[in-house]
Amino acid sequence: KPGQRLTVDVGYRYAVTAQLGLLAQINLHEQSHDRGAQAEPESSGSRAVFFSPGLAWQPLPALQFYGLVQWPLYQRVEGVQLTADYLPTIGVSYRF
């Protein structure tokens, strides 16, 4: 059974122009150890804090493109787990 997970994201958008915005997020993540007969509790569980700067471009009132890069400020993982040096994200949002 996967461990319980808590994620908290806090962000801010600064309007450079009516169409361009600077983004900043702080992302907190905590996951407890896995449980059960097939679990490996000594190699599960983690805690991390990330800083994610980015840009948003809104060419139309209902359309927005954005990109962020998530950089780890603090990471602690139990056992042997894969982690990334950074995590890029791009996206599109449309309101209708």
Protein backbone atom coordinates (compact mmCIF):
# COMPACT_ATOMS: atom_id res chain seq x y z
CA LYS A 1 0.00 0.00 0.00
CA PRO A 2 1.56 3.33 -1.00
CA GLY A 3 2.45 5.73 1.77
CA GLN A 4 0.33 8.78 2.46
CA ARG A 5 1.31 11.86 0.45
CA LEU A 6 1.02 15.55 1.25
CA THR A 7 1.76 18.20 -1.36
CA VAL A 8 1.49 21.97 -0.82
CA ASP A 9 2.05 24.47 -3.64
CA VAL A 10 2.18 28.23 -3.17
CA GLY A 11 2.67 30.53 -6.14
CA TYR A 12 2.73 34.13 -7.35
CA ARG A 13 2.30 35.71 -10.80
CA TYR A 14 3.82 39.12 -11.45
CA ALA A 15 2.36 40.91 -14.49
CA VAL A 16 5.26 42.34 -16.53
CA THR A 17 2.79 43.39 -19.25
CA ALA A 18 -0.88 42.61 -19.88
CA GLN A 19 0.21 39.45 -21.75
CA LEU A 20 3.47 38.40 -20.03
CA GLY A 21 3.86 37.24 -16.43
CA LEU A 22 6.70 36.02 -14.25
CA LEU A 23 5.84 32.98 -12.15
CA ALA A 24 7.31 31.74 -8.88
CA GLN A 25 6.25 28.73 -6.84
CA ILE A 26 7.37 26.96 -3.70
CA ASN A 27 6.43 23.26 -3.74
CA LEU A 28 6.49 21.11 -0.59
CA HIS A 29 6.19 17.32 -0.82
CA GLU A 30 6.16 14.63 1.85
CA GLN A 31 5.42 10.93 1.46
CA SER A 32 5.44 8.34 4.23
CA HIS A 33 6.79 4.79 3.95
CA ASP A 34 4.91 2.18 1.93
CA ARG A 35 3.11 -0.55 3.92
CA GLY A 36 2.00 -4.12 3.26
CA ALA A 37 3.36 -7.56 2.48
CA GLN A 38 5.02 -6.51 -0.81
CA ALA A 39 6.22 -3.09 0.43
CA GLU A 40 9.82 -2.01 0.91
CA PRO A 41 9.44 0.56 3.69
CA GLU A 42 13.22 1.04 4.03
CA SER A 43 13.34 2.20 0.37
CA SER A 44 10.24 4.39 0.33
CA GLY A 45 9.25 7.74 1.74
CA SER A 46 10.57 11.18 0.93
CA ARG A 47 10.53 14.86 1.80
CA ALA A 48 11.36 17.71 -0.58
CA VAL A 49 11.14 21.47 -1.08
CA PHE A 50 11.33 22.90 -4.60
CA PHE A 51 11.54 26.42 -6.10
CA SER A 52 9.87 26.76 -9.49
CA PRO A 53 10.44 29.95 -11.51
CA GLY A 54 8.72 30.39 -14.85
CA LEU A 55 6.98 32.50 -17.48
CA ALA A 56 3.36 32.80 -18.63
CA TRP A 57 2.22 34.30 -21.92
CA GLN A 58 -1.44 35.10 -22.52
CA PRO A 59 -1.98 36.03 -26.20
CA LEU A 60 -5.80 35.92 -25.83
CA PRO A 61 -7.99 36.51 -22.75
CA ALA A 62 -8.95 32.81 -22.57
CA LEU A 63 -5.63 31.27 -23.70
CA GLN A 64 -2.39 31.01 -21.73
CA PHE A 65 0.92 29.24 -22.35
CA TYR A 66 3.30 28.68 -19.43
CA GLY A 67 6.58 27.08 -18.54
CA LEU A 68 8.27 26.36 -15.20
CA VAL A 69 11.48 24.68 -14.06
CA GLN A 70 11.30 22.95 -10.67
CA TRP A 71 14.64 23.09 -8.82
CA PRO A 72 15.16 21.13 -5.59
CA LEU A 73 16.16 23.24 -2.60
CA TYR A 74 16.01 20.27 -0.23
CA GLN A 75 15.51 16.54 -0.89
CA ARG A 76 15.63 13.58 1.44
CA VAL A 77 14.72 10.12 0.20
CA GLU A 78 14.85 6.83 2.08
CA GLY A 79 16.89 4.00 0.61
CA VAL A 80 17.73 3.91 -3.10
CA GLN A 81 15.34 6.06 -5.13
CA LEU A 82 15.70 7.96 -8.39
CA THR A 83 15.52 11.76 -8.21
CA ALA A 84 15.79 14.42 -10.89
CA ASP A 85 18.23 17.36 -10.87
CA TYR A 86 15.43 19.58 -12.23
CA LEU A 87 11.93 19.13 -13.67
CA PRO A 88 10.78 21.27 -16.63
CA THR A 89 7.05 21.75 -17.17
CA ILE A 90 5.24 23.37 -20.08
CA GLY A 91 1.52 23.74 -20.48
CA VAL A 92 -1.45 25.41 -22.07
CA SER A 93 -4.65 26.49 -20.34
CA TYR A 94 -7.86 27.58 -22.01
CA ARG A 95 -10.91 29.01 -20.26
CA PHE A 96 -14.34 28.57 -21.80
